[in-house]
């Protein structure tokens, strides 16, 4: 990774009020993400940071003053909204570990979003936190497609890490995102992960910004049979594919005995083998609504 431009920077406040559907706070120990996912919406950050390097080729390592963990009692804290907190460089810089250490003692509801098994390194701290959820992004079981899309660790390593945390009593999420029409097999992923996660999140592929043309070119080159479907969805704005997929997901949830909702799910552990399946398709339209579809087993 010698071609990655890395800078260490100081920031006055690492916690940012979130405008996302869960509200609360967003926290990102890094600016940029070296996984370099081709579909990453966070690439828009370059408009604000002044980076000229391609997305995936720069990383700002943040330092910040100590935080007061009690300030976030009762709040939702989402770790990794525009970066992966466990990029490979975290092995050296320990920014995410520092943040978790500072949050010990808080009564916040903390969610970590990652594509890495490096999170296992911090199991000791995770078990000290009052409420913590670890979400693993898994939108395919096909390793060749994964390699086309990102430089993160293999799907199998993510699945193994999810199971390890789940077996340790931590709440885990299979985040099926983004769902590529005609490529992502949500049924296969749900069946593969249902015994090692408490939640399944479903999120559509939202093509916008600079990566839209790249993804559409990829589909044309690698999956030409899907070109009409992608035109239907992303040119004609036809939602019927995802509407039908929602129905299939709900039917699968019913078959497996899993709760199915499109609302935010508060902290809690699902019944083993019966994760809550959360429909976050078009999540920008989701509002922070109260839902008690899972039983708190903590």
Protein backbone atom coordinates (compact mmCIF):
# COMPACT_ATOMS: atom_id res chain seq x y z
CA UNK A 1 0.00 0.00 0.00
CA UNK A 2 2.92 2.30 -0.63
CA UNK A 3 0.86 4.31 -3.09
CA UNK A 4 -1.52 5.46 -0.34
CA UNK A 5 -1.05 9.10 0.71
CA UNK A 6 -1.28 9.21 4.51
CA UNK A 7 -1.38 12.33 6.68
CA UNK A 8 -1.87 12.74 10.40
CA UNK A 9 -4.23 15.60 11.25
CA UNK A 10 -5.77 17.15 14.37
CA UNK A 11 -9.47 17.72 14.77
CA UNK A 12 -11.22 19.58 17.58
CA UNK A 13 -14.13 17.16 17.86
CA UNK A 14 -14.35 13.59 16.61
CA UNK A 15 -18.10 13.29 17.30
CA UNK A 16 -20.46 14.78 14.72
CA UNK A 17 -24.22 15.12 15.01
CA UNK A 18 -25.71 12.73 12.48
CA UNK A 19 -28.36 13.60 9.91
CA UNK A 20 -28.89 9.91 9.10
CA UNK A 21 -32.05 7.89 9.81
CA UNK A 22 -30.79 6.81 13.25
CA UNK A 23 -29.86 10.32 14.40
CA UNK A 24 -27.38 10.53 17.27
CA UNK A 25 -23.69 10.91 16.44
CA UNK A 26 -21.44 9.81 13.60
CA UNK A 27 -17.76 9.27 14.27
CA UNK A 28 -14.98 8.57 11.78
CA UNK A 29 -11.41 8.11 13.04
CA UNK A 30 -10.15 8.52 9.47
CA UNK A 31 -10.91 10.62 6.41
CA UNK A 32 -10.80 8.47 3.32
CA UNK A 33 -10.93 4.68 3.14
CA UNK A 34 -8.30 2.44 1.61
CA UNK A 35 -10.73 -0.38 0.85
CA UNK A 36 -11.49 1.66 -2.27
CA UNK A 37 -14.97 0.25 -2.89
CA UNK A 38 -16.03 1.15 -6.42
CA UNK A 39 -19.60 1.91 -5.32
CA UNK A 40 -18.74 3.93 -2.20
CA UNK A 41 -21.04 6.89 -1.66
CA UNK A 42 -18.48 8.37 0.75
CA UNK A 43 -16.28 9.37 -2.17
CA UNK A 44 -18.26 12.64 -2.11
CA UNK A 45 -16.05 13.62 0.84
CA UNK A 46 -13.38 14.76 -1.60
CA UNK A 47 -15.53 17.81 -2.34
CA UNK A 48 -14.96 19.01 1.22
CA UNK A 49 -11.46 17.79 2.02
CA UNK A 50 -9.56 19.08 -0.99
CA UNK A 51 -7.95 15.72 -1.77
CA UNK A 52 -6.90 15.29 -5.38
CA UNK A 53 -5.96 11.62 -5.06
CA UNK A 54 -8.44 8.99 -6.31
CA UNK A 55 -10.84 7.61 -3.73
CA UNK A 56 -9.10 4.78 -1.93
CA UNK A 57 -5.64 6.31 -2.40
CA UNK A 58 -5.55 8.70 0.57
CA UNK A 59 -6.09 8.48 4.30
CA UNK A 60 -6.10 11.21 6.92
CA UNK A 61 -5.38 9.82 10.38
CA UNK A 62 -7.21 11.90 12.97
CA UNK A 63 -6.18 12.88 16.46
CA UNK A 64 -8.58 14.56 18.87
CA UNK A 65 -8.92 15.66 22.49
CA UNK A 66 -10.27 13.17 25.02
CA UNK A 67 -14.05 12.87 25.02
CA UNK A 68 -16.42 12.63 27.97
CA UNK A 69 -18.17 9.25 27.55
CA UNK A 70 -21.10 10.26 29.77
CA UNK A 71 -22.01 13.01 27.28
CA UNK A 72 -23.30 10.32 24.91
CA UNK A 73 -25.39 8.36 27.41
CA UNK A 74 -28.64 7.34 25.73
CA UNK A 75 -27.40 8.44 22.31
CA UNK A 76 -26.86 6.42 19.17
CA UNK A 77 -23.20 6.48 18.11
CA UNK A 78 -22.44 5.16 14.63
CA UNK A 79 -18.78 4.40 14.05
CA UNK A 80 -17.77 4.35 10.39
CA UNK A 81 -20.23 6.38 8.30
CA UNK A 82 -17.76 7.67 5.68
CA UNK A 83 -14.79 5.40 6.35
CA UNK A 84 -14.14 1.90 7.61
CA UNK A 85 -12.85 2.19 11.18
CA UNK A 86 -10.82 -0.97 10.55
CA UNK A 87 -8.89 -0.06 7.42
CA UNK A 88 -5.58 -1.97 7.31
CA UNK A 89 -3.73 1.12 8.60
CA UNK A 90 -5.63 0.80 11.88
CA UNK A 91 -3.12 -1.91 12.83
CA UNK A 92 -0.49 0.83 13.07
CA UNK A 93 -2.41 3.95 14.09
CA UNK A 94 -4.93 2.47 16.57
CA UNK A 95 -7.34 5.38 16.13
CA UNK A 96 -10.44 3.21 16.42
CA UNK A 97 -9.10 1.43 19.46
CA UNK A 98 -8.39 4.81 21.08
CA UNK A 99 -11.97 5.90 20.44
CA UNK A 100 -13.46 2.72 21.88
CA UNK A 101 -11.28 3.07 24.96
CA UNK A 102 -12.62 6.60 25.44
CA UNK A 103 -16.22 5.37 25.13
CA UNK A 104 -15.89 2.74 27.86
CA UNK A 105 -18.33 3.71 30.61
CA UNK A 106 -20.77 5.41 28.25
CA UNK A 107 -24.39 4.28 28.11
CA UNK A 108 -24.45 5.02 24.38
CA UNK A 109 -25.81 2.56 21.84
CA UNK A 110 -22.69 2.06 19.70
CA UNK A 111 -22.73 0.52 16.23
CA UNK A 112 -19.52 -0.27 14.32
CA UNK A 113 -19.72 -0.71 10.54
CA UNK A 114 -16.85 -2.59 8.92
CA UNK A 115 -15.65 -4.88 6.15
CA UNK A 116 -12.72 -6.15 8.18
CA UNK A 117 -11.97 -8.91 10.66
CA UNK A 118 -9.47 -6.61 12.39
CA UNK A 119 -12.35 -5.75 14.74
CA UNK A 120 -11.58 -9.04 16.53
CA UNK A 121 -8.41 -7.41 17.90
CA UNK A 122 -10.58 -5.15 20.05
CA UNK A 123 -12.79 -7.86 21.51
CA UNK A 124 -11.52 -7.04 24.99
CA UNK A 125 -12.81 -3.46 24.76
CA UNK A 126 -16.02 -4.37 22.94
CA UNK A 127 -17.00 -6.61 25.84
CA UNK A 128 -16.57 -3.67 28.24
CA UNK A 129 -19.05 -1.46 26.35
CA UNK A 130 -22.61 -1.28 27.60
CA UNK A 131 -24.32 -1.60 24.22
CA UNK A 132 -22.37 -2.43 21.09
CA UNK A 133 -23.32 -3.80 17.68
CA UNK A 134 -20.86 -4.82 14.97
CA UNK A 135 -22.10 -4.72 11.39
CA UNK A 136 -20.28 -6.56 8.60
CA UNK A 137 -20.92 -5.49 5.01
CA UNK A 138 -21.54 -8.61 2.93
CA UNK A 139 -23.31 -8.12 -0.39
CA UNK A 140 -22.10 -11.28 -2.12
CA UNK A 141 -20.82 -14.76 -1.42
CA UNK A 142 -18.97 -14.70 -4.75
CA UNK A 143 -15.33 -13.91 -4.06
CA UNK A 144 -14.59 -12.94 -7.67
CA UNK A 145 -17.30 -10.28 -7.63
CA UNK A 146 -16.08 -9.06 -4.23
CA UNK A 147 -12.57 -8.63 -5.63
CA UNK A 148 -13.99 -6.59 -8.50
CA UNK A 149 -15.65 -4.24 -6.03
CA UNK A 150 -13.32 -3.72 -3.05
CA UNK A 151 -9.90 -4.35 -1.53
CA UNK A 152 -11.19 -5.39 1.88
CA UNK A 153 -10.70 -8.86 3.38
CA UNK A 154 -12.44 -11.87 1.90
CA UNK A 155 -16.10 -12.60 2.54
CA UNK A 156 -15.13 -15.78 4.41
CA UNK A 157 -12.97 -13.80 6.82
CA UNK A 158 -15.85 -11.40 7.46
CA UNK A 159 -18.22 -14.31 8.10
CA UNK A 160 -15.74 -15.95 10.47
CA UNK A 161 -15.31 -12.69 12.38
CA UNK A 162 -19.07 -12.21 12.63
CA UNK A 163 -19.48 -15.71 14.07
CA UNK A 164 -16.63 -15.19 16.54
CA UNK A 165 -18.21 -12.00 17.91
CA UNK A 166 -21.68 -13.51 17.96
CA UNK A 167 -20.39 -16.52 19.88
CA UNK A 168 -18.84 -14.11 22.40
CA UNK A 169 -22.28 -12.66 23.07
CA UNK A 170 -22.02 -9.48 21.00
CA UNK A 171 -24.82 -8.26 18.77
CA UNK A 172 -23.91 -8.62 15.08
CA UNK A 173 -25.40 -7.51 11.78
CA UNK A 174 -25.19 -8.96 8.29
CA UNK A 175 -25.37 -5.72 6.29
CA UNK A 176 -26.35 -6.77 2.77
CA UNK A 177 -25.28 -3.56 1.09
CA UNK A 178 -25.38 -2.45 -1.55
CA UNK A 179 -27.72 -4.94 -3.17
CA UNK A 180 -26.68 -5.16 -6.82
CA UNK A 181 -29.77 -5.96 -8.94
CA UNK A 182 -29.45 -9.35 -10.56
CA UNK A 183 -26.16 -10.09 -8.77
CA UNK A 184 -26.64 -9.98 -5.00
CA UNK A 185 -28.42 -13.11 -3.79
CA UNK A 186 -30.02 -11.91 -0.58
CA UNK A 187 -31.61 -15.28 0.15
CA UNK A 188 -28.26 -17.10 0.02
CA UNK A 189 -26.65 -14.52 2.32
CA UNK A 190 -29.50 -14.57 4.83
CA UNK A 191 -29.48 -18.37 4.98
CA UNK A 192 -25.69 -18.34 5.38
CA UNK A 193 -25.68 -15.77 8.23
CA UNK A 194 -28.94 -16.32 10.09
CA UNK A 195 -27.32 -18.41 12.84
CA UNK A 196 -24.60 -15.89 13.60
CA UNK A 197 -26.28 -12.51 13.54
CA UNK A 198 -29.08 -10.67 15.31
CA UNK A 199 -29.96 -8.36 12.45
CA UNK A 200 -29.93 -8.37 8.66
CA UNK A 201 -29.97 -4.97 7.01
CA UNK A 202 -30.97 -4.67 3.35
CA UNK A 203 -29.90 -1.61 1.36
CA UNK A 204 -30.23 -0.95 -2.35
CA UNK A 205 -27.45 0.07 -4.71
CA UNK A 206 -27.88 3.83 -5.09
CA UNK A 207 -25.98 4.98 -8.16
CA UNK A 208 -25.04 8.62 -7.98
CA UNK A 209 -22.02 10.86 -8.23
CA UNK A 210 -18.78 9.97 -9.90
CA UNK A 211 -19.01 6.22 -9.51
CA UNK A 212 -22.30 5.81 -11.40
CA UNK A 213 -20.68 5.65 -14.84
CA UNK A 214 -18.00 3.27 -13.57
CA UNK A 215 -20.53 0.80 -12.18
CA UNK A 216 -22.69 0.96 -15.29
CA UNK A 217 -19.61 0.36 -17.45
CA UNK A 218 -18.72 -2.63 -15.28
CA UNK A 219 -22.22 -4.07 -15.73
CA UNK A 220 -22.00 -3.58 -19.49
CA UNK A 221 -18.63 -5.34 -19.65
CA UNK A 222 -19.13 -8.14 -17.12
CA UNK A 223 -22.90 -8.65 -17.03
CA UNK A 224 -24.27 -7.44 -20.39
CA UNK A 225 -27.48 -9.41 -19.84
CA UNK A 226 -28.29 -7.09 -16.93
CA UNK A 227 -27.96 -3.83 -18.89
CA UNK A 228 -31.74 -3.55 -19.58
CA UNK A 229 -32.48 -4.07 -15.88
CA UNK A 230 -30.00 -1.38 -14.81
CA UNK A 231 -31.43 1.05 -17.37
CA UNK A 232 -34.89 0.34 -16.03
CA UNK A 233 -33.82 1.07 -12.47
CA UNK A 234 -31.20 3.79 -12.86
CA UNK A 235 -32.34 5.62 -15.99
CA UNK A 236 -36.10 5.18 -15.94
CA UNK A 237 -36.25 5.29 -12.10
CA UNK A 238 -38.44 2.20 -11.99
CA UNK A 239 -38.55 0.75 -8.46
CA UNK A 240 -40.42 -2.43 -9.33
CA UNK A 241 -37.31 -4.62 -8.98
CA UNK A 242 -36.70 -3.55 -5.39
CA UNK A 243 -40.42 -3.60 -4.57
CA UNK A 244 -40.52 -7.24 -5.68
CA UNK A 245 -37.30 -7.95 -3.78
CA UNK A 246 -38.87 -6.53 -0.62
CA UNK A 247 -41.76 -8.97 -1.05
CA UNK A 248 -39.34 -11.87 -1.49
CA UNK A 249 -37.39 -10.81 1.59
CA UNK A 250 -40.59 -10.62 3.65
CA UNK A 251 -41.68 -14.06 2.43
CA UNK A 252 -38.26 -15.49 3.34
CA UNK A 253 -38.47 -13.87 6.77
CA UNK A 254 -41.84 -15.51 7.33
CA UNK A 255 -40.46 -18.89 6.22
CA UNK A 256 -37.51 -18.62 8.61
CA UNK A 257 -39.54 -17.24 11.50
CA UNK A 258 -37.72 -13.91 11.44
CA UNK A 259 -39.27 -10.53 12.30
CA UNK A 260 -39.42 -8.22 9.28
CA UNK A 261 -39.53 -4.43 9.60
CA UNK A 262 -38.52 -1.22 7.87
CA UNK A 263 -38.05 0.65 11.14
CA UNK A 264 -35.03 1.29 13.30
CA UNK A 265 -34.46 -1.54 15.77
CA UNK A 266 -33.32 -0.53 19.27
CA UNK A 267 -30.59 -2.43 21.05
CA UNK A 268 -31.38 -6.06 21.80
CA UNK A 269 -30.45 -9.63 20.91
CA UNK A 270 -32.61 -11.63 18.52
CA UNK A 271 -33.67 -15.20 19.16
CA UNK A 272 -30.86 -17.48 17.94
CA UNK A 273 -31.37 -18.41 14.30
CA UNK A 274 -34.08 -15.79 13.84
CA UNK A 275 -32.45 -12.43 13.10
CA UNK A 276 -34.57 -9.36 12.56
CA UNK A 277 -34.58 -8.54 8.84
CA UNK A 278 -34.65 -4.79 8.34
CA UNK A 279 -35.74 -3.35 5.00
CA UNK A 280 -33.53 -0.28 4.52
CA UNK A 281 -34.06 -0.14 0.76
CA UNK A 282 -34.11 3.54 -0.11
CA UNK A 283 -32.92 4.20 3.45
CA UNK A 284 -32.73 7.94 2.83
CA UNK A 285 -36.54 7.86 3.18
CA UNK A 286 -36.43 5.96 6.48
CA UNK A 287 -37.17 7.98 9.58
CA UNK A 288 -36.03 7.33 13.13
CA UNK A 289 -39.12 5.49 14.35
CA UNK A 290 -39.53 3.40 17.44
CA UNK A 291 -39.75 -0.33 16.87
CA UNK A 292 -39.73 -3.07 19.48
CA UNK A 293 -39.50 -6.06 17.20
CA UNK A 294 -36.68 -7.70 19.16
CA UNK A 295 -36.43 -8.89 22.71
CA UNK A 296 -33.66 -7.42 24.82
CA UNK A 297 -31.60 -10.35 26.13
CA UNK A 298 -28.71 -8.34 27.60
